[in-house]
Amino acid sequence: MQQSVVTNESEVSLPATGVVSAPTRHSHRSAWALVIFLAFAFFVYLNVHFAVVDGISMLPTFKNGQRLTFCSAYWLVGPIRDNDVVIIKDDYKDSKTGFIVKRIYKLAGEKVDLGNSPRGWSIANGLYTVPQDSVYVLGDNRPKSEDSRYLGAIPMSKVLGKVIVKP
């Protein structure tokens, strides 16, 4: 609603005071879409990470310098199972990257065959059993891999995530 004011020369139109237009439904949808997008972006920032393979222990599956995507939200990508590839925090050797890439061989409570038992494990002890809250990992390139045969079982607290994208 507008008011008209007549002056000597012409009529001037002024906007009515006190009139406020209500936001449209479209602006509410845009705001919700933005909120959902920002929540998703924050989720990805916290749970999806990238790692670069350092070394030859995972040949032929992964080459040195290959980029991997991994996720720490197991409820989204599923629990860790035998044969999954995981990223492990590297407290075991002096590496450039701070992590190692290995394949899950056995989970907590599972028995490891004698050929892949930890170094120093005596046959007299029987088969090695992976301790609770731990995993047993091996590299795909077994002759060149520093894995659970040398490091022992890896505590789950050291597992940073599960590889989800393998280029």
Foldseek 3Di string as FASTA:
>chain_A
DWDWDDDPPGIDIGRDPPDDDDDDVVVVVVVVVVVVVVVVVVQCVVFKDKDAADDDLAPPQHDHGFMFIWTQPCVVVPDQDAQFKFWFQDPDDDDPGRIHIWGFHFAAQDWDDPVQAAPPDDCVVPTDGQHPQWTFTGHPNRVPDDGCNHVNTGHVVRTRGTTDDRD
